[in-house]
PDB file of N, CA and C in Angstrom:
ATOM      1  N   MET A   1     -20.482   3.518  -3.071  1.00  0.00           N
ATOM      2  CA  MET A   1     -18.975   2.423  -2.740  1.00  0.00           C
ATOM      3  C   MET A   1     -19.528   1.157  -2.699  1.00  0.00           C
ATOM      4  N   SER A   2     -19.142   0.229  -3.225  1.00  0.00           N
ATOM      5  CA  SER A   2     -18.989  -1.130  -3.716  1.00  0.00           C
ATOM      6  C   SER A   2     -18.957  -2.321  -2.692  1.00  0.00           C
ATOM      7  N   GLU A   3     -19.671  -3.046  -3.005  1.00  0.00           N
ATOM      8  CA  GLU A   3     -19.112  -4.546  -1.882  1.00  0.00           C
ATOM      9  C   GLU A   3     -17.487  -4.978  -1.596  1.00  0.00           C
ATOM     10  N   THR A   4     -16.900  -4.731  -3.368  1.00  0.00           N
ATOM     11  CA  THR A   4     -15.953  -5.119  -3.089  1.00  0.00           C
ATOM     12  C   THR A   4     -14.983  -3.979  -2.474  1.00  0.00           C
ATOM     13  N   VAL A   5     -14.666  -2.757  -2.373  1.00  0.00           N
ATOM     14  CA  VAL A   5     -14.144  -2.263  -1.845  1.00  0.00           C
ATOM     15  C   VAL A   5     -14.193  -2.094  -0.445  1.00  0.00           C
ATOM     16  N   LYS A   6     -15.843  -2.356   0.417  1.00  0.00           N
ATOM     17  CA  LYS A   6     -15.776  -2.358   1.757  1.00  0.00           C
ATOM     18  C   LYS A   6     -14.970  -3.867   2.136  1.00  0.00           C
ATOM     19  N   ALA A   7     -15.075  -4.902   1.337  1.00  0.00           N
ATOM     20  CA  ALA A   7     -14.230  -6.141   1.588  1.00  0.00           C
ATOM     21  C   ALA A   7     -13.000  -5.537   1.628  1.00  0.00           C
ATOM     22  N   ALA A   8     -12.273  -5.024   0.952  1.00  0.00           N
ATOM     23  CA  ALA A   8     -10.820  -4.858   0.287  1.00  0.00           C
ATOM     24  C   ALA A   8     -10.338  -4.328   1.746  1.00  0.00           C
ATOM     25  N   VAL A   9     -11.216  -2.851   2.086  1.00  0.00           N
ATOM     26  CA  VAL A   9     -11.053  -2.221   3.204  1.00  0.00           C
ATOM     27  C   VAL A   9     -10.756  -2.944   4.778  1.00  0.00           C
ATOM     28  N   ALA A  10     -11.908  -3.629   4.956  1.00  0.00           N
ATOM     29  CA  ALA A  10     -11.763  -5.111   5.907  1.00  0.00           C
ATOM     30  C   ALA A  10     -10.692  -5.658   6.155  1.00  0.00           C
ATOM     31  N   ALA A  11      -9.631  -6.033   4.785  1.00  0.00           N
ATOM     32  CA  ALA A  11      -9.496  -6.788   4.615  1.00  0.00           C
ATOM     33  C   ALA A  11      -7.967  -6.632   4.870  1.00  0.00           C
ATOM     34  N   LEU A  12      -7.319  -5.209   4.178  1.00  0.00           N
ATOM     35  CA  LEU A  12      -6.442  -4.271   4.410  1.00  0.00           C
ATOM     36  C   LEU A  12      -6.432  -4.052   5.929  1.00  0.00           C
ATOM     37  N   ASN A  13      -6.843  -3.943   6.737  1.00  0.00           N
ATOM     38  CA  ASN A  13      -7.256  -3.363   8.143  1.00  0.00           C
ATOM     39  C   ASN A  13      -6.768  -4.719   8.934  1.00  0.00           C
ATOM     40  N   ASN A  14      -7.150  -5.876   8.842  1.00  0.00           N
ATOM     41  CA  ASN A  14      -7.129  -6.903   9.148  1.00  0.00           C
ATOM     42  C   ASN A  14      -5.573  -7.274   8.890  1.00  0.00           C
ATOM     43  N   LYS A  15      -4.965  -7.271   7.589  1.00  0.00           N
ATOM     44  CA  LYS A  15      -3.599  -7.388   7.054  1.00  0.00           C
ATOM     45  C   LYS A  15      -2.575  -6.200   8.135  1.00  0.00           C
ATOM     46  N   LEU A  16      -3.174  -4.892   8.018  1.00  0.00           N
ATOM     47  CA  LEU A  16      -2.173  -3.920   8.753  1.00  0.00           C
ATOM     48  C   LEU A  16      -2.207  -4.405  10.908  1.00  0.00           C
ATOM     49  N   ASP A  17      -3.387  -5.257  11.097  1.00  0.00           N
ATOM     50  CA  ASP A  17      -3.144  -5.467  12.070  1.00  0.00           C
ATOM     51  C   ASP A  17      -3.150  -4.558  13.280  1.00  0.00           C
ATOM     52  N   GLY A  18      -3.643  -3.111  13.068  1.00  0.00           N
ATOM     53  CA  GLY A  18      -3.878  -2.635  13.924  1.00  0.00           C
ATOM     54  C   GLY A  18      -2.685  -1.071  13.817  1.00  0.00           C
ATOM     55  N   LYS A  19      -2.210  -1.478  12.916  1.00  0.00           N
ATOM     56  CA  LYS A  19      -1.399  -0.710  12.500  1.00  0.00           C
ATOM     57  C   LYS A  19      -1.507   0.215  11.098  1.00  0.00           C
ATOM     58  N   GLY A  20      -1.071   1.634  10.992  1.00  0.00           N
ATOM     59  CA  GLY A  20      -0.991   2.170   9.756  1.00  0.00           C
ATOM     60  C   GLY A  20      -0.121   2.293   8.983  1.00  0.00           C
ATOM     61  N   PHE A  21       0.024   3.233   7.927  1.00  0.00           N
ATOM     62  CA  PHE A  21       1.014   3.366   7.144  1.00  0.00           C
ATOM     63  C   PHE A  21       1.544   4.373   7.576  1.00  0.00           C
ATOM     64  N   ALA A  22       3.014   4.989   7.340  1.00  0.00           N
ATOM     65  CA  ALA A  22       3.837   6.390   7.090  1.00  0.00           C
ATOM     66  C   ALA A  22       3.473   6.782   5.954  1.00  0.00           C
ATOM     67  N   GLY A  23       2.552   7.246   5.631  1.00  0.00           N
ATOM     68  CA  GLY A  23       2.137   7.990   4.266  1.00  0.00           C
ATOM     69  C   GLY A  23       0.647   7.526   3.753  1.00  0.00           C
ATOM     70  N   ILE A  24       0.255   8.334   2.683  1.00  0.00           N
ATOM     71  CA  ILE A  24      -1.202   8.485   2.375  1.00  0.00           C
ATOM     72  C   ILE A  24      -0.870   7.882   0.947  1.00  0.00           C
ATOM     73  N   ALA A  25      -2.047   6.456   0.897  1.00  0.00           N
ATOM     74  CA  ALA A  25      -1.701   5.927  -0.446  1.00  0.00           C
ATOM     75  C   ALA A  25      -3.113   5.068  -1.180  1.00  0.00           C
ATOM     76  N   LYS A  26      -3.451   5.645  -2.175  1.00  0.00           N
ATOM     77  CA  LYS A  26      -5.034   5.074  -2.705  1.00  0.00           C
ATOM     78  C   LYS A  26      -4.614   3.704  -3.152  1.00  0.00           C
ATOM     79  N   PHE A  27      -5.926   3.064  -3.202  1.00  0.00           N
ATOM     80  CA  PHE A  27      -5.553   1.701  -4.401  1.00  0.00           C
ATOM     81  C   PHE A  27      -7.181   2.158  -5.119  1.00  0.00           C
ATOM     82  N   VAL A  28      -6.905   1.865  -6.188  1.00  0.00           N
ATOM     83  CA  VAL A  28      -8.214   1.749  -7.012  1.00  0.00           C
ATOM     84  C   VAL A  28      -8.524   0.615  -7.821  1.00  0.00           C
ATOM     85  N   ILE A  29      -9.940   0.397  -7.533  1.00  0.00           N
ATOM     86  CA  ILE A  29      -9.600  -1.252  -7.526  1.00  0.00           C
ATOM     87  C   ILE A  29     -10.786  -0.863  -9.088  1.00  0.00           C
ATOM     88  N   GLU A  30     -10.646  -1.143  -9.970  1.00  0.00           N
ATOM     89  CA  GLU A  30     -11.125  -0.967 -11.218  1.00  0.00           C
ATOM     90  C   GLU A  30     -12.701  -1.182 -11.343  1.00  0.00           C
ATOM     91  N   GLY A  31     -13.770  -0.076 -11.871  1.00  0.00           N
ATOM     92  CA  GLY A  31     -14.917  -0.108 -11.827  1.00  0.00           C
ATOM     93  C   GLY A  31     -15.511  -0.665 -10.441  1.00  0.00           C
ATOM     94  N   LYS A  32     -14.727  -0.601  -9.286  1.00  0.00           N
ATOM     95  CA  LYS A  32     -15.445  -0.811  -8.152  1.00  0.00           C
ATOM     96  C   LYS A  32     -15.486   0.334  -7.275  1.00  0.00           C
ATOM     97  N   GLY A  33     -14.073   1.345  -6.968  1.00  0.00           N
ATOM     98  CA  GLY A  33     -13.892   2.370  -6.274  1.00  0.00           C
ATOM     99  C   GLY A  33     -12.771   2.770  -6.098  1.00  0.00           C
ATOM    100  N   SER A  34     -12.258   3.046  -4.489  1.00  0.00           N
ATOM    101  CA  SER A  34     -11.285   3.571  -4.044  1.00  0.00           C
ATOM    102  C   SER A  34     -11.080   3.397  -2.553  1.00  0.00           C
ATOM    103  N   LEU A  35      -9.676   3.190  -2.195  1.00  0.00           N
ATOM    104  CA  LEU A  35      -9.650   3.165  -0.567  1.00  0.00           C
ATOM    105  C   LEU A  35      -8.667   3.662  -0.300  1.00  0.00           C
ATOM    106  N   ILE A  36      -8.366   4.611   0.902  1.00  0.00           N
ATOM    107  CA  ILE A  36      -7.260   5.241   0.989  1.00  0.00           C
ATOM    108  C   ILE A  36      -6.388   4.223   2.470  1.00  0.00           C
ATOM    109  N   VAL A  37      -5.445   4.145   2.403  1.00  0.00           N
ATOM    110  CA  VAL A  37      -4.598   3.337   3.718  1.00  0.00           C
ATOM    111  C   VAL A  37      -3.245   5.230   4.085  1.00  0.00           C
ATOM    112  N   ASP A  38      -3.797   4.972   5.055  1.00  0.00           N
ATOM    113  CA  ASP A  38      -2.642   5.648   5.681  1.00  0.00           C
ATOM    114  C   ASP A  38      -2.225   5.499   7.194  1.00  0.00           C
ATOM    115  N   GLU A  39      -2.045   6.618   8.145  1.00  0.00           N
ATOM    116  CA  GLU A  39      -1.504   6.245   9.611  1.00  0.00           C
ATOM    117  C   GLU A  39      -2.333   5.390  10.291  1.00  0.00           C
ATOM    118  N   ASN A  40      -3.798   5.687  10.187  1.00  0.00           N
ATOM    119  CA  ASN A  40      -4.943   5.064  10.943  1.00  0.00           C
ATOM    120  C   ASN A  40      -5.433   3.843  10.407  1.00  0.00           C
ATOM    121  N   GLY A  41      -5.159   3.192   9.694  1.00  0.00           N
ATOM    122  CA  GLY A  41      -5.326   2.247   8.850  1.00  0.00           C
ATOM    123  C   GLY A  41      -6.239   2.348   7.318  1.00  0.00           C
ATOM    124  N   ALA A  42      -7.288   1.253   6.964  1.00  0.00           N
ATOM    125  CA  ALA A  42      -7.834   1.566   5.975  1.00  0.00           C
ATOM    126  C   ALA A  42      -9.273   2.029   5.782  1.00  0.00           C
ATOM    127  N   ARG A  43      -9.318   2.786   4.504  1.00  0.00           N
ATOM    128  CA  ARG A  43     -10.727   3.551   5.088  1.00  0.00           C
ATOM    129  C   ARG A  43     -11.398   3.759   3.714  1.00  0.00           C
ATOM    130  N   VAL A  44     -12.508   3.502   3.335  1.00  0.00           N
ATOM    131  CA  VAL A  44     -12.992   4.116   1.864  1.00  0.00           C
ATOM    132  C   VAL A  44     -12.909   5.403   1.689  1.00  0.00           C
ATOM    133  N   GLY A  45     -12.399   5.772   0.198  1.00  0.00           N
ATOM    134  CA  GLY A  45     -12.055   7.337   0.485  1.00  0.00           C
ATOM    135  C   GLY A  45     -11.396   7.492  -0.745  1.00  0.00           C
ATOM    136  N   ASP A  46     -11.635   8.735  -1.562  1.00  0.00           N
ATOM    137  CA  ASP A  46     -10.798   8.810  -3.116  1.00  0.00           C
ATOM    138  C   ASP A  46     -10.356  10.174  -2.556  1.00  0.00           C
ATOM    139  N   ASP A  47      -9.514  10.556  -1.802  1.00  0.00           N
ATOM    140  CA  ASP A  47      -8.580  11.469  -1.397  1.00  0.00           C
ATOM    141  C   ASP A  47      -7.463  11.683  -2.062  1.00  0.00           C
ATOM    142  N   GLU A  48      -6.762  12.832  -2.053  1.00  0.00           N
ATOM    143  CA  GLU A  48      -5.168  12.630  -2.571  1.00  0.00           C
ATOM    144  C   GLU A  48      -4.281  12.313  -1.441  1.00  0.00           C
ATOM    145  N   ALA A  49      -3.605  11.507  -2.919  1.00  0.00           N
ATOM    146  CA  ALA A  49      -2.260  10.802  -1.759  1.00  0.00           C
ATOM    147  C   ALA A  49      -1.275  11.077  -2.736  1.00  0.00           C
ATOM    148  N   GLU A  50       0.133  10.001  -1.730  1.00  0.00           N
ATOM    149  CA  GLU A  50       1.154  10.447  -2.301  1.00  0.00           C
ATOM    150  C   GLU A  50       1.562   9.321  -3.513  1.00  0.00           C
ATOM    151  N   VAL A  51       0.759   8.531  -3.484  1.00  0.00           N
ATOM    152  CA  VAL A  51       0.549   7.063  -4.457  1.00  0.00           C
ATOM    153  C   VAL A  51      -1.085   6.523  -4.597  1.00  0.00           C
ATOM    154  N   THR A  52      -0.670   6.661  -6.053  1.00  0.00           N
ATOM    155  CA  THR A  52      -2.525   5.939  -6.495  1.00  0.00           C
ATOM    156  C   THR A  52      -1.975   4.334  -6.892  1.00  0.00           C
ATOM    157  N   LEU A  53      -2.122   3.642  -6.351  1.00  0.00           N
ATOM    158  CA  LEU A  53      -2.292   2.336  -7.274  1.00  0.00           C
ATOM    159  C   LEU A  53      -3.024   1.851  -7.854  1.00  0.00           C
ATOM    160  N   THR A  54      -3.497   1.214  -8.950  1.00  0.00           N
ATOM    161  CA  THR A  54      -4.507   0.971  -9.510  1.00  0.00           C
ATOM    162  C   THR A  54      -4.606  -1.050 -10.210  1.00  0.00           C
ATOM    163  N   ALA A  55      -5.488  -1.351 -10.008  1.00  0.00           N
ATOM    164  CA  ALA A  55      -5.773  -2.295 -10.012  1.00  0.00           C
ATOM    165  C   ALA A  55      -7.094  -3.330 -10.156  1.00  0.00           C
ATOM    166  N   ASP A  56      -6.931  -4.265 -11.369  1.00  0.00           N
ATOM    167  CA  ASP A  56      -8.477  -5.164 -10.810  1.00  0.00           C
ATOM    168  C   ASP A  56      -8.686  -6.141  -9.729  1.00  0.00           C
ATOM    169  N   THR A  57      -9.737  -6.447  -9.578  1.00  0.00           N
ATOM    170  CA  THR A  57     -10.269  -6.945  -8.664  1.00  0.00           C
ATOM    171  C   THR A  57      -9.638  -8.056  -7.890  1.00  0.00           C
ATOM    172  N   GLU A  58      -9.042  -8.743  -8.882  1.00  0.00           N
ATOM    173  CA  GLU A  58      -8.624  -9.956  -8.801  1.00  0.00           C
ATOM    174  C   GLU A  58      -7.209 -10.163  -8.788  1.00  0.00           C
ATOM    175  N   THR A  59      -6.350  -9.022  -8.917  1.00  0.00           N
ATOM    176  CA  THR A  59      -5.183  -8.564  -8.620  1.00  0.00           C
ATOM    177  C   THR A  59      -4.440  -7.799  -7.569  1.00  0.00           C
ATOM    178  N   PHE A  60      -6.163  -7.355  -6.929  1.00  0.00           N
ATOM    179  CA  PHE A  60      -5.893  -6.757  -5.921  1.00  0.00           C
ATOM    180  C   PHE A  60      -5.653  -7.851  -4.438  1.00  0.00           C
ATOM    181  N   ARG A  61      -6.917  -8.405  -5.234  1.00  0.00           N
ATOM    182  CA  ARG A  61      -6.922  -9.514  -4.063  1.00  0.00           C
ATOM    183  C   ARG A  61      -5.995 -10.436  -3.836  1.00  0.00           C
ATOM    184  N   ALA A  62      -5.493 -10.743  -5.010  1.00  0.00           N
ATOM    185  CA  ALA A  62      -4.314 -11.494  -4.597  1.00  0.00           C
ATOM    186  C   ALA A  62      -2.812 -11.177  -4.182  1.00  0.00           C
ATOM    187  N   ILE A  63      -3.158  -9.663  -4.344  1.00  0.00           N
ATOM    188  CA  ILE A  63      -1.720  -8.599  -3.500  1.00  0.00           C
ATOM    189  C   ILE A  63      -2.364  -8.613  -1.580  1.00  0.00           C
ATOM    190  N   ILE A  64      -3.769  -8.401  -1.339  1.00  0.00           N
ATOM    191  CA  ILE A  64      -4.042  -8.579   0.019  1.00  0.00           C
ATOM    192  C   ILE A  64      -3.575 -10.285   0.750  1.00  0.00           C
ATOM    193  N   ASP A  65      -4.407 -11.490  -0.159  1.00  0.00           N
ATOM    194  CA  ASP A  65      -4.279 -12.107   0.200  1.00  0.00           C
ATOM    195  C   ASP A  65      -2.524 -13.062   0.070  1.00  0.00           C
ATOM    196  N   GLY A  66      -1.644 -12.358   0.125  1.00  0.00           N
ATOM    197  CA  GLY A  66      -0.409 -12.804   0.113  1.00  0.00           C
ATOM    198  C   GLY A  66      -0.443 -13.871  -1.002  1.00  0.00           C
ATOM    199  N   GLU A  67      -1.357 -13.846  -2.236  1.00  0.00           N
ATOM    200  CA  GLU A  67      -0.945 -15.030  -3.470  1.00  0.00           C
ATOM    201  C   GLU A  67      -0.004 -14.074  -4.400  1.00  0.00           C
ATOM    202  N   LYS A  68       0.296 -12.969  -4.830  1.00  0.00           N
ATOM    203  CA  LYS A  68       0.833 -11.964  -5.841  1.00  0.00           C
ATOM    204  C   LYS A  68       1.339 -11.120  -5.063  1.00  0.00           C
ATOM    205  N   ASN A  69       3.011 -11.105  -5.584  1.00  0.00           N
ATOM    206  CA  ASN A  69       4.010 -10.308  -4.975  1.00  0.00           C
ATOM    207  C   ASN A  69       3.240  -8.927  -6.076  1.00  0.00           C
ATOM    208  N   PRO A  70       3.344  -7.637  -4.891  1.00  0.00           N
ATOM    209  CA  PRO A  70       3.081  -6.459  -5.534  1.00  0.00           C
ATOM    210  C   PRO A  70       4.331  -5.570  -6.650  1.00  0.00           C
ATOM    211  N   THR A  71       5.378  -5.984  -6.248  1.00  0.00           N
ATOM    212  CA  THR A  71       6.610  -5.844  -7.519  1.00  0.00           C
ATOM    213  C   THR A  71       6.146  -6.748  -8.505  1.00  0.00           C
ATOM    214  N   THR A  72       6.281  -7.875  -8.737  1.00  0.00           N
ATOM    215  CA  THR A  72       5.819  -8.710  -9.785  1.00  0.00           C
ATOM    216  C   THR A  72       4.338  -8.160 -10.652  1.00  0.00           C
ATOM    217  N   ALA A  73       3.191  -8.364  -9.654  1.00  0.00           N
ATOM    218  CA  ALA A  73       2.177  -7.340 -10.050  1.00  0.00           C
ATOM    219  C   ALA A  73       2.306  -5.718 -10.999  1.00  0.00           C
ATOM    220  N   PHE A  74       3.616  -5.337 -10.160  1.00  0.00           N
ATOM    221  CA  PHE A  74       3.754  -4.344 -11.525  1.00  0.00           C
ATOM    222  C   PHE A  74       4.451  -4.498 -12.456  1.00  0.00           C
ATOM    223  N   MET A  75       5.320  -5.464 -12.619  1.00  0.00           N
ATOM    224  CA  MET A  75       6.776  -5.561 -13.556  1.00  0.00           C
ATOM    225  C   MET A  75       5.178  -5.944 -14.472  1.00  0.00           C
ATOM    226  N   THR A  76       4.581  -6.835 -14.517  1.00  0.00           N
ATOM    227  CA  THR A  76       4.023  -7.520 -15.113  1.00  0.00           C
ATOM    228  C   THR A  76       2.937  -6.841 -15.889  1.00  0.00           C
ATOM    229  N   GLY A  77       2.413  -5.235 -15.719  1.00  0.00           N
ATOM    230  CA  GLY A  77       1.687  -4.210 -15.920  1.00  0.00           C
ATOM    231  C   GLY A  77      -0.022  -4.772 -14.983  1.00  0.00           C
ATOM    232  N   LYS A  78      -0.076  -5.757 -14.105  1.00  0.00           N
ATOM    233  CA  LYS A  78      -1.464  -6.121 -13.508  1.00  0.00           C
ATOM    234  C   LYS A  78      -1.539  -4.918 -12.652  1.00  0.00           C
ATOM    235  N   LEU A  79      -0.686  -4.017 -12.323  1.00  0.00           N
ATOM    236  CA  LEU A  79      -0.454  -3.237 -10.930  1.00  0.00           C
ATOM    237  C   LEU A  79      -0.248  -1.597 -11.520  1.00  0.00           C
ATOM    238  N   LYS A  80      -1.010  -0.741 -11.709  1.00  0.00           N
ATOM    239  CA  LYS A  80       0.022   0.479 -11.994  1.00  0.00           C
ATOM    240  C   LYS A  80      -0.288   1.816 -11.051  1.00  0.00           C
ATOM    241  N   VAL A  81       0.996   2.360 -10.854  1.00  0.00           N
ATOM    242  CA  VAL A  81       1.281   3.100 -10.071  1.00  0.00           C
ATOM    243  C   VAL A  81       1.495   4.269 -10.506  1.00  0.00           C
ATOM    244  N   ASP A  82       1.224   5.553 -10.079  1.00  0.00           N
ATOM    245  CA  ASP A  82       1.406   6.863 -10.508  1.00  0.00           C
ATOM    246  C   ASP A  82       1.702   7.643  -8.829  1.00  0.00           C
ATOM    247  N   GLY A  83       2.899   8.278  -8.858  1.00  0.00           N
ATOM    248  CA  GLY A  83       3.147   9.007  -7.961  1.00  0.00           C
ATOM    249  C   GLY A  83       4.577   8.306  -7.145  1.00  0.00           C
ATOM    250  N   ASP A  84       4.530   9.147  -6.131  1.00  0.00           N
ATOM    251  CA  ASP A  84       5.778   8.697  -5.336  1.00  0.00           C
ATOM    252  C   ASP A  84       5.971   7.152  -5.068  1.00  0.00           C
ATOM    253  N   MET A  85       7.161   6.294  -6.254  1.00  0.00           N
ATOM    254  CA  MET A  85       7.663   4.868  -6.108  1.00  0.00           C
ATOM    255  C   MET A  85       8.266   4.411  -4.764  1.00  0.00           C
ATOM    256  N   GLY A  86       8.360   5.593  -4.020  1.00  0.00           N
ATOM    257  CA  GLY A  86       9.295   4.882  -2.539  1.00  0.00           C
ATOM    258  C   GLY A  86       8.308   4.883  -1.834  1.00  0.00           C
ATOM    259  N   ALA A  87       7.042   5.538  -1.827  1.00  0.00           N
ATOM    260  CA  ALA A  87       5.553   5.285  -0.738  1.00  0.00           C
ATOM    261  C   ALA A  87       5.235   3.784  -1.364  1.00  0.00           C
ATOM    262  N   ALA A  88       5.170   4.098  -2.532  1.00  0.00           N
ATOM    263  CA  ALA A  88       4.861   2.386  -3.125  1.00  0.00           C
ATOM    264  C   ALA A  88       5.685   1.092  -2.308  1.00  0.00           C
ATOM    265  N   MET A  89       6.676   0.973  -2.508  1.00  0.00           N
ATOM    266  CA  MET A  89       7.722   0.105  -2.030  1.00  0.00           C
ATOM    267  C   MET A  89       7.241  -0.028  -0.493  1.00  0.00           C
ATOM    268  N   ARG A  90       7.586   1.068   0.174  1.00  0.00           N
ATOM    269  CA  ARG A  90       6.906   1.022   1.554  1.00  0.00           C
ATOM    270  C   ARG A  90       5.838   0.500   1.854  1.00  0.00           C
ATOM    271  N   LEU A  91       4.617   1.108   1.144  1.00  0.00           N
ATOM    272  CA  LEU A  91       3.698  -0.032   1.458  1.00  0.00           C
ATOM    273  C   LEU A  91       3.457  -1.150   0.856  1.00  0.00           C
ATOM    274  N   ALA A  92       4.241  -2.088  -0.086  1.00  0.00           N
ATOM    275  CA  ALA A  92       4.646  -3.246  -0.270  1.00  0.00           C
ATOM    276  C   ALA A  92       5.421  -3.692   0.897  1.00  0.00           C
ATOM    277  N   SER A  93       6.261  -3.365   1.424  1.00  0.00           N
ATOM    278  CA  SER A  93       6.652  -3.775   2.611  1.00  0.00           C
ATOM    279  C   SER A  93       6.239  -3.931   3.763  1.00  0.00           C
ATOM    280  N   THR A  94       5.165  -3.175   3.969  1.00  0.00           N
ATOM    281  CA  THR A  94       3.811  -3.213   5.030  1.00  0.00           C
ATOM    282  C   THR A  94       2.941  -4.234   5.100  1.00  0.00           C
ATOM    283  N   LEU A  95       2.533  -3.908   3.675  1.00  0.00           N
ATOM    284  CA  LEU A  95       1.779  -5.535   3.437  1.00  0.00           C
ATOM    285  C   LEU A  95       2.610  -6.792   3.537  1.00  0.00           C
ATOM    286  N   ALA A  96       3.426  -6.789   3.184  1.00  0.00           N
ATOM    287  CA  ALA A  96       4.020  -8.540   3.171  1.00  0.00           C
ATOM    288  C   ALA A  96       3.578  -8.877   3.909  1.00  0.00           C
TER     289      ALA A  96
END
Protein backbone atom coordinates (compact mmCIF):
# COMPACT_ATOMS: atom_id res chain seq x y z
CA MET A 1 0.00 0.00 0.00
CA SER A 2 1.41 3.34 -1.03
CA GLU A 3 1.34 6.66 0.77
CA THR A 4 -0.69 7.98 -2.18
CA VAL A 5 -3.46 5.45 -1.49
CA LYS A 6 -3.41 6.18 2.26
CA ALA A 7 -3.71 9.91 1.53
CA ALA A 8 -6.53 9.23 -0.95
CA VAL A 9 -8.48 7.24 1.66
CA ALA A 10 -8.13 10.10 4.16
CA ALA A 11 -9.17 12.69 1.56
CA LEU A 12 -12.19 10.66 0.48
CA ASN A 13 -13.34 10.06 4.05
CA ASN A 14 -12.99 13.77 4.72
CA LYS A 15 -15.01 14.58 1.61
CA LEU A 16 -17.68 12.00 2.51
CA ASP A 17 -17.92 13.63 5.97
CA GLY A 18 -18.97 10.46 7.79
CA LYS A 19 -21.38 9.35 5.10
CA GLY A 20 -20.93 6.28 3.00
CA PHE A 21 -21.79 5.44 -0.58
CA ALA A 22 -24.85 3.40 -1.52
CA GLY A 23 -22.91 0.77 -3.43
CA ILE A 24 -19.38 -0.51 -3.80
CA ALA A 25 -16.88 1.36 -5.94
CA LYS A 26 -13.19 0.77 -6.43
CA PHE A 27 -10.70 3.49 -7.31
CA VAL A 28 -7.49 2.29 -8.92
CA ILE A 29 -4.70 4.85 -8.81
CA GLU A 30 -2.35 3.77 -11.57
CA GLY A 31 0.92 2.42 -10.22
CA LYS A 32 -0.05 3.12 -6.60
CA GLY A 33 -2.84 0.75 -5.57
CA SER A 34 -6.58 0.73 -5.01
CA LEU A 35 -9.22 1.69 -2.51
CA ILE A 36 -12.85 0.85 -1.92
CA VAL A 37 -15.73 3.23 -1.21
CA ASP A 38 -18.88 1.69 0.27
CA GLU A 39 -21.54 2.34 2.90
CA ASN A 40 -18.81 2.59 5.55
CA GLY A 41 -16.72 5.19 3.71
CA ALA A 42 -13.33 4.74 2.05
CA ARG A 43 -10.69 2.14 2.90
CA VAL A 44 -7.66 0.55 1.31
CA GLY A 45 -8.74 -2.54 -0.60
CA ASP A 46 -8.98 -4.44 -3.84
CA ASP A 47 -12.39 -6.07 -3.37
CA GLU A 48 -14.93 -6.83 -6.08
CA ALA A 49 -16.99 -3.73 -6.85
CA GLU A 50 -19.99 -2.64 -8.90
CA VAL A 51 -17.80 -0.11 -10.68
CA THR A 52 -14.06 0.40 -11.00
CA LEU A 53 -12.66 3.84 -11.74
CA THR A 54 -9.06 4.10 -12.88
CA ALA A 55 -6.98 7.27 -13.11
CA ASP A 56 -3.47 8.54 -12.58
CA THR A 57 -2.56 10.23 -9.31
CA GLU A 58 -2.91 13.76 -10.66
CA THR A 59 -6.40 13.17 -12.08
CA PHE A 60 -7.59 11.38 -8.95
CA ARG A 61 -6.32 14.20 -6.72
CA ALA A 62 -7.98 16.83 -8.93
CA ILE A 63 -11.33 15.00 -8.74
CA ILE A 64 -11.17 14.68 -4.94
CA ASP A 65 -10.09 18.31 -4.54
CA GLY A 66 -13.00 19.45 -6.72
CA GLU A 67 -10.68 20.87 -9.37
CA LYS A 68 -11.80 18.39 -12.04
CA ASN A 69 -15.30 17.20 -12.76
CA PRO A 70 -15.41 13.37 -12.88
CA THR A 71 -17.63 13.43 -15.97
CA THR A 72 -15.18 15.71 -17.77
CA ALA A 73 -12.30 13.47 -16.73
CA PHE A 74 -14.16 10.48 -18.18
CA MET A 75 -15.09 12.26 -21.42
CA THR A 76 -11.48 13.35 -21.98
CA GLY A 77 -10.09 9.87 -21.31
CA LYS A 78 -8.41 10.78 -18.00
CA LEU A 79 -10.76 8.55 -15.99
CA LYS A 80 -11.64 5.02 -17.08
CA VAL A 81 -14.86 3.43 -15.86
CA ASP A 82 -15.50 -0.30 -15.89
CA GLY A 83 -18.78 -1.72 -14.67
CA ASP A 84 -22.05 -0.11 -13.61
CA MET A 85 -22.19 3.39 -15.09
CA GLY A 86 -25.17 4.20 -12.84
CA ALA A 87 -23.03 3.50 -9.77
CA ALA A 88 -20.31 5.73 -11.23
CA MET A 89 -22.80 8.57 -11.64
CA ARG A 90 -24.10 8.11 -8.07
CA LEU A 91 -20.54 8.22 -6.79
CA ALA A 92 -19.80 11.37 -8.79
CA SER A 93 -22.82 13.11 -7.26
CA THR A 94 -21.81 11.89 -3.78
CA LEU A 95 -18.35 13.42 -4.20
CA ALA A 96 -19.61 16.71 -5.70
